[in-house]
């Protein structure tokens, strides 16, 4: 099997890519929580918090700022939008049991990999430098949710992925 070389992201897409990386770390934490048999209610609280503080905003920014650049009728954009709907439904379907949590985590990871490996690659190839530069000026930052310390405001406090008790 051939090793994947790291993808170079145009600076206009780097904020979204950083958010994708953070979301993959979120998925890893969910997998670790499930592997440690953490109570679904604890993981569910983290799911809802992350949806409200990060992923929902990320999805909306892609839908409003990024996807229109190649058109909402493009097959890859239609796929991304459909996946957004499915993932949102899973986030909002409460209470979350282990099966739903696992499905959400797998769906979200696969979605992020699709966007990074296929959709963003297409955008970098098909969009002009002028269009990409204009996007960069409209959205210089990212909406990632920090999860580093309990002392930081608006940071998730229950590190269930490290401490299942």
N, C-alpha and C. Protein backbone atom coordinates (compact mmCIF):
# COMPACT_ATOMS: atom_id res chain seq x y z
N UNK A 1 0.84 -1.18 0.00
CA UNK A 1 0.00 0.00 0.00
C UNK A 1 0.88 1.25 0.00
N UNK A 2 0.56 2.15 -0.89
CA UNK A 2 1.35 3.37 -1.02
C UNK A 2 0.99 4.36 0.08
N UNK A 3 2.00 4.93 0.72
CA UNK A 3 1.77 5.92 1.78
C UNK A 3 1.30 7.23 1.17
N UNK A 4 0.35 7.85 1.83
CA UNK A 4 -0.14 9.15 1.37
C UNK A 4 0.84 10.23 1.76
N UNK A 5 1.16 11.10 0.80
CA UNK A 5 2.00 12.23 1.16
C UNK A 5 1.10 13.32 1.73
N UNK A 6 1.63 14.14 2.63
CA UNK A 6 0.82 15.20 3.22
C UNK A 6 0.27 16.13 2.15
N UNK A 7 -0.97 16.56 2.35
CA UNK A 7 -1.61 17.46 1.39
C UNK A 7 -1.24 18.90 1.71
N UNK A 8 -0.87 19.64 0.67
CA UNK A 8 -0.57 21.06 0.85
C UNK A 8 -1.84 21.84 0.57
N UNK A 9 -2.24 22.62 1.52
CA UNK A 9 -3.48 23.37 1.43
C UNK A 9 -3.19 24.82 1.06
N UNK A 10 -3.96 25.34 0.12
CA UNK A 10 -3.89 26.77 -0.19
C UNK A 10 -4.22 27.53 1.09
N UNK A 11 -3.58 28.66 1.30
CA UNK A 11 -3.80 29.41 2.55
C UNK A 11 -5.27 29.78 2.75
N UNK A 12 -6.02 29.95 1.68
CA UNK A 12 -7.45 30.29 1.80
C UNK A 12 -8.24 29.16 2.45
N UNK A 13 -7.77 27.93 2.33
CA UNK A 13 -8.50 26.77 2.87
C UNK A 13 -7.90 26.27 4.17
N UNK A 14 -6.82 26.87 4.61
CA UNK A 14 -6.13 26.35 5.80
C UNK A 14 -6.96 26.45 7.08
N UNK A 15 -7.77 27.48 7.22
CA UNK A 15 -8.62 27.58 8.41
C UNK A 15 -9.59 26.42 8.50
N UNK A 16 -10.22 26.11 7.37
CA UNK A 16 -11.14 24.97 7.33
C UNK A 16 -10.38 23.67 7.59
N UNK A 17 -9.18 23.55 7.02
CA UNK A 17 -8.39 22.33 7.24
C UNK A 17 -7.98 22.18 8.70
N UNK A 18 -7.64 23.29 9.36
CA UNK A 18 -7.32 23.21 10.80
C UNK A 18 -8.54 22.73 11.58
N UNK A 19 -9.70 23.25 11.21
CA UNK A 19 -10.94 22.79 11.86
C UNK A 19 -11.17 21.31 11.59
N UNK A 20 -10.86 20.86 10.37
CA UNK A 20 -10.98 19.44 10.06
C UNK A 20 -10.05 18.62 10.96
N UNK A 21 -8.83 19.10 11.13
CA UNK A 21 -7.89 18.39 12.01
C UNK A 21 -8.46 18.30 13.43
N UNK A 22 -8.97 19.42 13.92
CA UNK A 22 -9.57 19.43 15.26
C UNK A 22 -10.73 18.46 15.35
N UNK A 23 -11.51 18.36 14.28
CA UNK A 23 -12.65 17.45 14.26
C UNK A 23 -12.18 16.00 14.24
N UNK A 24 -11.08 15.72 13.56
CA UNK A 24 -10.52 14.36 13.60
C UNK A 24 -10.04 14.03 15.01
N UNK A 25 -9.50 15.01 15.72
CA UNK A 25 -9.10 14.78 17.12
C UNK A 25 -10.34 14.53 17.99
N UNK A 26 -11.41 15.25 17.70
CA UNK A 26 -12.69 15.02 18.37
C UNK A 26 -13.14 13.58 18.15
N UNK A 27 -13.04 13.09 16.91
CA UNK A 27 -13.43 11.71 16.60
C UNK A 27 -12.57 10.71 17.36
N UNK A 28 -11.29 10.99 17.46
CA UNK A 28 -10.39 10.12 18.22
C UNK A 28 -10.81 10.05 19.68
N UNK A 29 -11.16 11.18 20.25
CA UNK A 29 -11.60 11.20 21.66
C UNK A 29 -12.88 10.38 21.84
N UNK A 30 -13.76 10.47 20.88
CA UNK A 30 -15.00 9.69 20.94
C UNK A 30 -14.66 8.19 20.87
N UNK A 31 -13.80 7.81 19.95
CA UNK A 31 -13.40 6.39 19.85
C UNK A 31 -12.76 5.91 21.14
N UNK A 32 -11.90 6.75 21.73
CA UNK A 32 -11.25 6.37 22.99
C UNK A 32 -12.28 6.22 24.11
N UNK A 33 -13.25 7.11 24.15
CA UNK A 33 -14.30 7.00 25.16
C UNK A 33 -15.11 5.73 25.00
N UNK A 34 -15.46 5.40 23.76
CA UNK A 34 -16.20 4.16 23.50
C UNK A 34 -15.37 2.93 23.88
N UNK A 35 -14.08 2.96 23.54
CA UNK A 35 -13.21 1.82 23.85
C UNK A 35 -13.06 1.63 25.36
N UNK A 36 -13.17 2.73 26.10
CA UNK A 36 -13.04 2.66 27.56
C UNK A 36 -14.40 2.47 28.25
N UNK A 37 -15.42 2.24 27.43
CA UNK A 37 -16.78 1.97 27.94
C UNK A 37 -17.31 3.10 28.83
N UNK A 38 -17.01 4.33 28.39
CA UNK A 38 -17.52 5.50 29.09
C UNK A 38 -19.03 5.55 28.91
N UNK A 39 -19.72 5.96 29.94
CA UNK A 39 -21.18 6.09 29.91
C UNK A 39 -21.60 6.97 28.74
N UNK A 40 -22.54 6.50 27.91
CA UNK A 40 -22.96 7.27 26.73
C UNK A 40 -23.42 8.70 27.05
N UNK A 41 -24.00 8.92 28.21
CA UNK A 41 -24.47 10.27 28.56
C UNK A 41 -23.31 11.26 28.64
N UNK A 42 -22.15 10.82 29.12
CA UNK A 42 -20.98 11.71 29.19
C UNK A 42 -20.50 12.06 27.79
N UNK A 43 -20.42 11.05 26.93
CA UNK A 43 -19.98 11.30 25.55
C UNK A 43 -21.01 12.16 24.83
N UNK A 44 -22.28 11.89 25.06
CA UNK A 44 -23.36 12.65 24.43
C UNK A 44 -23.28 14.13 24.78
N UNK A 45 -23.00 14.43 26.03
CA UNK A 45 -22.89 15.83 26.44
C UNK A 45 -21.77 16.52 25.66
N UNK A 46 -20.68 15.81 25.46
CA UNK A 46 -19.55 16.35 24.67
C UNK A 46 -19.93 16.51 23.21
N UNK A 47 -20.67 15.55 22.68
CA UNK A 47 -21.14 15.66 21.29
C UNK A 47 -21.96 16.94 21.10
N UNK A 48 -22.92 17.13 21.96
CA UNK A 48 -23.82 18.29 21.84
C UNK A 48 -23.04 19.60 22.00
N UNK A 49 -22.16 19.64 22.99
CA UNK A 49 -21.36 20.84 23.22
C UNK A 49 -20.50 21.16 22.00
N UNK A 50 -19.87 20.14 21.44
CA UNK A 50 -19.00 20.35 20.28
C UNK A 50 -19.80 20.78 19.06
N UNK A 51 -20.98 20.19 18.87
CA UNK A 51 -21.85 20.60 17.77
C UNK A 51 -22.18 22.09 17.90
N UNK A 52 -22.61 22.49 19.10
CA UNK A 52 -23.05 23.87 19.31
C UNK A 52 -21.91 24.88 19.27
N UNK A 53 -20.70 24.47 19.66
CA UNK A 53 -19.60 25.40 19.78
C UNK A 53 -18.58 25.35 18.65
N UNK A 54 -18.74 24.41 17.72
CA UNK A 54 -17.72 24.27 16.69
C UNK A 54 -18.27 23.76 15.36
N UNK A 55 -18.74 22.54 15.36
CA UNK A 55 -19.02 21.86 14.10
C UNK A 55 -20.19 22.50 13.35
N UNK A 56 -21.22 22.91 14.06
CA UNK A 56 -22.36 23.56 13.40
C UNK A 56 -21.89 24.82 12.67
N UNK A 57 -21.08 25.62 13.31
CA UNK A 57 -20.56 26.85 12.70
C UNK A 57 -19.65 26.51 11.52
N UNK A 58 -18.86 25.49 11.67
CA UNK A 58 -17.98 25.05 10.57
C UNK A 58 -18.80 24.64 9.35
N UNK A 59 -19.82 23.81 9.56
CA UNK A 59 -20.68 23.37 8.44
C UNK A 59 -21.30 24.58 7.76
N UNK A 60 -21.86 25.51 8.54
CA UNK A 60 -22.53 26.67 7.94
C UNK A 60 -21.55 27.52 7.14
N UNK A 61 -20.34 27.68 7.65
CA UNK A 61 -19.37 28.50 6.91
C UNK A 61 -18.98 27.83 5.59
N UNK A 62 -18.84 26.50 5.60
CA UNK A 62 -18.57 25.81 4.34
C UNK A 62 -19.73 26.00 3.37
N UNK A 63 -20.96 25.83 3.87
CA UNK A 63 -22.14 25.91 3.02
C UNK A 63 -22.36 27.31 2.46
N UNK A 64 -22.04 28.34 3.24
CA UNK A 64 -22.31 29.71 2.83
C UNK A 64 -21.14 30.37 2.10
N UNK A 65 -19.92 30.02 2.48
CA UNK A 65 -18.76 30.72 1.93
C UNK A 65 -17.96 29.90 0.92
N UNK A 66 -17.91 28.60 1.12
CA UNK A 66 -17.00 27.78 0.33
C UNK A 66 -17.69 27.05 -0.81
N UNK A 67 -18.72 26.31 -0.51
CA UNK A 67 -19.37 25.48 -1.53
C UNK A 67 -19.92 26.28 -2.71
N UNK A 68 -20.47 27.49 -2.50
CA UNK A 68 -20.96 28.25 -3.66
C UNK A 68 -19.88 28.59 -4.69
N UNK A 69 -18.62 28.53 -4.28
CA UNK A 69 -17.54 28.86 -5.20
C UNK A 69 -17.44 27.87 -6.36
N UNK A 70 -17.82 26.62 -6.13
CA UNK A 70 -17.82 25.66 -7.24
C UNK A 70 -19.24 25.25 -7.62
N UNK A 71 -20.21 25.76 -6.89
CA UNK A 71 -21.61 25.54 -7.26
C UNK A 71 -22.27 24.44 -6.45
N UNK A 72 -23.47 24.73 -5.99
CA UNK A 72 -24.19 23.76 -5.16
C UNK A 72 -24.70 22.57 -5.95
N UNK A 73 -24.62 22.64 -7.29
CA UNK A 73 -25.03 21.50 -8.11
C UNK A 73 -23.87 20.57 -8.45
N UNK A 74 -22.67 20.93 -8.07
CA UNK A 74 -21.52 20.06 -8.32
C UNK A 74 -21.72 18.77 -7.52
N UNK A 75 -21.45 17.61 -8.12
CA UNK A 75 -21.68 16.34 -7.41
C UNK A 75 -20.95 16.24 -6.06
N UNK A 76 -19.75 16.76 -5.97
CA UNK A 76 -19.03 16.69 -4.69
C UNK A 76 -19.67 17.60 -3.64
N UNK A 77 -20.16 18.74 -4.06
CA UNK A 77 -20.84 19.65 -3.12
C UNK A 77 -22.16 19.03 -2.68
N UNK A 78 -22.88 18.44 -3.63
CA UNK A 78 -24.15 17.78 -3.25
C UNK A 78 -23.88 16.67 -2.24
N UNK A 79 -22.81 15.92 -2.45
CA UNK A 79 -22.45 14.86 -1.50
C UNK A 79 -22.12 15.46 -0.13
N UNK A 80 -21.32 16.52 -0.12
CA UNK A 80 -20.95 17.16 1.15
C UNK A 80 -22.18 17.68 1.89
N UNK A 81 -23.10 18.31 1.16
CA UNK A 81 -24.32 18.83 1.78
C UNK A 81 -25.18 17.70 2.35
N UNK A 82 -25.28 16.62 1.61
CA UNK A 82 -26.05 15.46 2.08
C UNK A 82 -25.42 14.89 3.36
N UNK A 83 -24.10 14.81 3.36
CA UNK A 83 -23.41 14.30 4.56
C UNK A 83 -23.58 15.26 5.73
N UNK A 84 -23.55 16.57 5.47
CA UNK A 84 -23.80 17.53 6.55
C UNK A 84 -25.16 17.26 7.19
N UNK A 85 -26.17 17.05 6.35
CA UNK A 85 -27.52 16.78 6.88
C UNK A 85 -27.55 15.52 7.73
N UNK A 86 -26.92 14.46 7.25
CA UNK A 86 -26.89 13.19 7.99
C UNK A 86 -26.17 13.35 9.32
N UNK A 87 -25.03 14.01 9.29
CA UNK A 87 -24.24 14.19 10.51
C UNK A 87 -24.97 15.08 11.50
N UNK A 88 -25.59 16.15 11.01
CA UNK A 88 -26.38 17.02 11.90
C UNK A 88 -27.49 16.22 12.56
N UNK A 89 -28.18 15.39 11.80
CA UNK A 89 -29.26 14.58 12.34
C UNK A 89 -28.72 13.68 13.47
N UNK A 90 -27.54 13.10 13.27
CA UNK A 90 -26.96 12.24 14.29
C UNK A 90 -26.57 13.02 15.54
N UNK A 91 -26.04 14.23 15.37
CA UNK A 91 -25.71 15.06 16.53
C UNK A 91 -26.97 15.39 17.33
N UNK A 92 -28.06 15.68 16.63
CA UNK A 92 -29.28 16.15 17.30
C UNK A 92 -30.18 15.03 17.78
N UNK A 93 -29.90 13.80 17.36
CA UNK A 93 -30.71 12.65 17.78
C UNK A 93 -30.31 12.26 19.20
N UNK A 94 -31.14 12.62 20.15
CA UNK A 94 -30.84 12.30 21.54
C UNK A 94 -31.96 11.46 22.11
N UNK A 95 -31.68 10.66 23.11
CA UNK A 95 -30.36 10.45 23.69
C UNK A 95 -29.49 9.62 22.77
N UNK A 96 -28.18 9.80 22.91
CA UNK A 96 -27.23 9.04 22.11
C UNK A 96 -26.90 7.74 22.82
N UNK A 97 -27.01 6.62 22.10
CA UNK A 97 -26.53 5.36 22.65
C UNK A 97 -25.19 5.05 21.98
N UNK A 98 -24.53 3.98 22.41
CA UNK A 98 -23.21 3.64 21.86
C UNK A 98 -23.24 3.49 20.35
N UNK A 99 -24.29 2.88 19.83
CA UNK A 99 -24.39 2.64 18.39
C UNK A 99 -24.48 3.95 17.61
N UNK A 100 -25.30 4.88 18.09
CA UNK A 100 -25.44 6.18 17.43
C UNK A 100 -24.14 6.97 17.53
N UNK A 101 -23.50 6.92 18.69
CA UNK A 101 -22.23 7.63 18.88
C UNK A 101 -21.19 7.10 17.90
N UNK A 102 -21.11 5.78 17.77
CA UNK A 102 -20.14 5.18 16.86
C UNK A 102 -20.45 5.54 15.41
N UNK A 103 -21.72 5.51 15.03
CA UNK A 103 -22.11 5.88 13.67
C UNK A 103 -21.77 7.35 13.39
N UNK A 104 -22.02 8.21 14.35
CA UNK A 104 -21.70 9.63 14.20
C UNK A 104 -20.21 9.82 14.02
N UNK A 105 -19.42 9.19 14.86
CA UNK A 105 -17.96 9.33 14.79
C UNK A 105 -17.44 8.84 13.45
N UNK A 106 -17.90 7.69 12.99
CA UNK A 106 -17.43 7.14 11.71
C UNK A 106 -17.88 8.01 10.53
N UNK A 107 -19.12 8.48 10.58
CA UNK A 107 -19.64 9.32 9.50
C UNK A 107 -18.88 10.63 9.42
N UNK A 108 -18.61 11.23 10.58
CA UNK A 108 -17.91 12.51 10.62
C UNK A 108 -16.47 12.35 10.13
N UNK A 109 -15.79 11.30 10.57
CA UNK A 109 -14.42 11.10 10.10
C UNK A 109 -14.38 10.87 8.59
N UNK A 110 -15.25 10.03 8.07
CA UNK A 110 -15.28 9.77 6.63
C UNK A 110 -15.58 11.05 5.86
N UNK A 111 -16.48 11.87 6.38
CA UNK A 111 -16.83 13.13 5.74
C UNK A 111 -15.61 14.07 5.68
N UNK A 112 -14.91 14.19 6.79
CA UNK A 112 -13.74 15.07 6.82
C UNK A 112 -12.68 14.57 5.83
N UNK A 113 -12.46 13.28 5.79
CA UNK A 113 -11.47 12.72 4.85
C UNK A 113 -11.89 12.99 3.40
N UNK A 114 -13.19 12.86 3.11
CA UNK A 114 -13.68 13.18 1.76
C UNK A 114 -13.41 14.64 1.42
N UNK A 115 -13.77 15.54 2.32
CA UNK A 115 -13.57 16.96 2.02
C UNK A 115 -12.09 17.28 1.82
N UNK A 116 -11.24 16.76 2.69
CA UNK A 116 -9.81 17.07 2.59
C UNK A 116 -9.17 16.44 1.35
N UNK A 117 -9.46 15.18 1.11
CA UNK A 117 -8.75 14.45 0.05
C UNK A 117 -9.35 14.67 -1.34
N UNK A 118 -10.64 14.99 -1.41
CA UNK A 118 -11.28 15.11 -2.71
C UNK A 118 -11.81 16.52 -2.98
N UNK A 119 -12.68 17.01 -2.13
CA UNK A 119 -13.34 18.29 -2.40
C UNK A 119 -12.35 19.46 -2.36
N UNK A 120 -11.52 19.53 -1.32
CA UNK A 120 -10.57 20.63 -1.23
C UNK A 120 -9.51 20.53 -2.33
N UNK A 121 -9.12 19.32 -2.69
CA UNK A 121 -8.17 19.15 -3.79
C UNK A 121 -8.77 19.69 -5.09
N UNK A 122 -10.03 19.35 -5.34
CA UNK A 122 -10.72 19.86 -6.53
C UNK A 122 -10.78 21.38 -6.50
N UNK A 123 -11.10 21.95 -5.37
CA UNK A 123 -11.20 23.41 -5.27
C UNK A 123 -9.85 24.06 -5.57
N UNK A 124 -8.79 23.50 -5.03
CA UNK A 124 -7.47 24.06 -5.29
C UNK A 124 -7.09 23.98 -6.76
N UNK A 125 -7.53 22.93 -7.43
CA UNK A 125 -7.21 22.77 -8.85
C UNK A 125 -8.09 23.65 -9.74
N UNK A 126 -9.38 23.78 -9.39
CA UNK A 126 -10.34 24.43 -10.28
C UNK A 126 -10.55 25.92 -10.03
N UNK A 127 -10.34 26.38 -8.82
CA UNK A 127 -10.60 27.80 -8.52
C UNK A 127 -9.37 28.64 -8.83
N UNK A 128 -9.62 29.82 -9.31
CA UNK A 128 -8.51 30.73 -9.63
C UNK A 128 -7.88 31.27 -8.35
N UNK A 129 -6.66 31.75 -8.48
CA UNK A 129 -5.97 32.36 -7.34
C UNK A 129 -6.75 33.57 -6.81
N UNK A 130 -7.37 34.32 -7.72
CA UNK A 130 -8.15 35.49 -7.30
C UNK A 130 -9.32 35.08 -6.41
N UNK A 131 -10.02 34.04 -6.78
CA UNK A 131 -11.16 33.56 -6.00
C UNK A 131 -10.68 33.05 -4.64
N UNK A 132 -9.62 32.24 -4.64
CA UNK A 132 -9.09 31.72 -3.38
C UNK A 132 -8.59 32.85 -2.49
N UNK A 133 -7.93 33.83 -3.05
CA UNK A 133 -7.45 34.96 -2.26
C UNK A 133 -8.60 35.77 -1.67
N UNK A 134 -9.68 35.91 -2.42
CA UNK A 134 -10.85 36.63 -1.92
C UNK A 134 -11.46 35.89 -0.73
N UNK A 135 -11.51 34.58 -0.79
CA UNK A 135 -12.02 33.78 0.32
C UNK A 135 -11.14 33.97 1.55
N UNK A 136 -9.87 33.98 1.34
CA UNK A 136 -8.92 34.13 2.44
C UNK A 136 -9.13 35.46 3.17
N UNK A 137 -9.42 36.51 2.44
CA UNK A 137 -9.61 37.82 3.05
C UNK A 137 -10.93 37.92 3.80
N UNK A 138 -11.94 37.15 3.37
CA UNK A 138 -13.23 37.16 4.05
C UNK A 138 -13.23 36.34 5.33
N UNK A 139 -12.38 35.31 5.39
CA UNK A 139 -12.41 34.38 6.53
C UNK A 139 -10.98 34.03 6.95
N UNK A 140 -10.34 34.91 7.70
CA UNK A 140 -8.94 34.65 8.06
C UNK A 140 -8.74 33.65 9.19
N UNK A 141 -9.73 33.43 10.05
CA UNK A 141 -9.55 32.57 11.21
C UNK A 141 -10.27 31.25 11.11
N UNK A 142 -10.45 30.61 12.26
CA UNK A 142 -11.18 29.35 12.31
C UNK A 142 -12.07 29.34 13.54
N UNK A 143 -12.97 28.39 13.60
CA UNK A 143 -13.93 28.31 14.71
C UNK A 143 -13.67 27.10 15.60
N UNK A 144 -12.46 26.62 15.61
CA UNK A 144 -12.14 25.43 16.38
C UNK A 144 -12.44 25.64 17.86
N UNK A 145 -12.86 24.58 18.50
CA UNK A 145 -13.12 24.60 19.93
C UNK A 145 -11.92 24.06 20.67
N UNK A 146 -11.34 24.85 21.57
CA UNK A 146 -10.23 24.33 22.35
C UNK A 146 -10.72 23.33 23.38
N UNK A 147 -9.89 22.37 23.69
CA UNK A 147 -10.22 21.40 24.74
C UNK A 147 -8.99 21.13 25.59
N UNK A 148 -8.18 22.13 25.81
CA UNK A 148 -6.89 21.90 26.45
C UNK A 148 -6.94 21.92 27.98
N UNK A 149 -7.54 22.92 28.60
CA UNK A 149 -7.52 22.97 30.06
C UNK A 149 -8.89 23.33 30.59
N UNK A 150 -9.22 22.82 31.78
CA UNK A 150 -10.51 23.17 32.38
C UNK A 150 -10.58 24.63 32.80
N UNK A 151 -9.43 25.31 32.93
CA UNK A 151 -9.41 26.70 33.38
C UNK A 151 -9.75 27.68 32.27
N UNK A 152 -9.66 27.25 31.02
CA UNK A 152 -9.94 28.13 29.89
C UNK A 152 -11.44 28.25 29.72
N UNK A 153 -11.97 29.47 29.60
CA UNK A 153 -13.42 29.61 29.40
C UNK A 153 -13.86 28.95 28.08
N UNK A 154 -15.07 28.47 28.07
CA UNK A 154 -15.67 27.86 26.88
C UNK A 154 -14.87 26.66 26.38
N UNK A 155 -14.32 25.90 27.32
CA UNK A 155 -13.56 24.70 26.99
C UNK A 155 -14.22 23.52 27.68
N UNK A 156 -14.29 22.40 26.96
CA UNK A 156 -14.90 21.20 27.52
C UNK A 156 -14.08 20.73 28.72
N UNK A 157 -14.76 20.38 29.79
CA UNK A 157 -14.12 20.09 31.07
C UNK A 157 -13.96 18.60 31.40
N UNK A 158 -14.72 17.72 30.79
CA UNK A 158 -14.74 16.30 31.14
C UNK A 158 -13.88 15.51 30.14
N UNK A 159 -12.65 15.23 30.50
CA UNK A 159 -11.74 14.51 29.61
C UNK A 159 -11.99 13.00 29.73
N UNK A 160 -13.18 12.57 29.38
CA UNK A 160 -13.57 11.17 29.50
C UNK A 160 -12.70 10.23 28.69
N UNK A 161 -12.11 10.71 27.61
CA UNK A 161 -11.26 9.91 26.75
C UNK A 161 -9.96 9.52 27.44
N UNK A 162 -9.58 10.28 28.49
CA UNK A 162 -8.37 9.96 29.25
C UNK A 162 -8.71 9.31 30.58
N UNK A 163 -9.85 9.73 31.14
CA UNK A 163 -10.24 9.24 32.46
C UNK A 163 -11.70 8.76 32.39
N UNK A 164 -11.91 7.47 32.21
CA UNK A 164 -13.28 6.98 32.04
C UNK A 164 -14.13 7.03 33.30
N UNK A 165 -13.54 7.31 34.46
CA UNK A 165 -14.32 7.33 35.73
C UNK A 165 -14.88 8.69 36.05
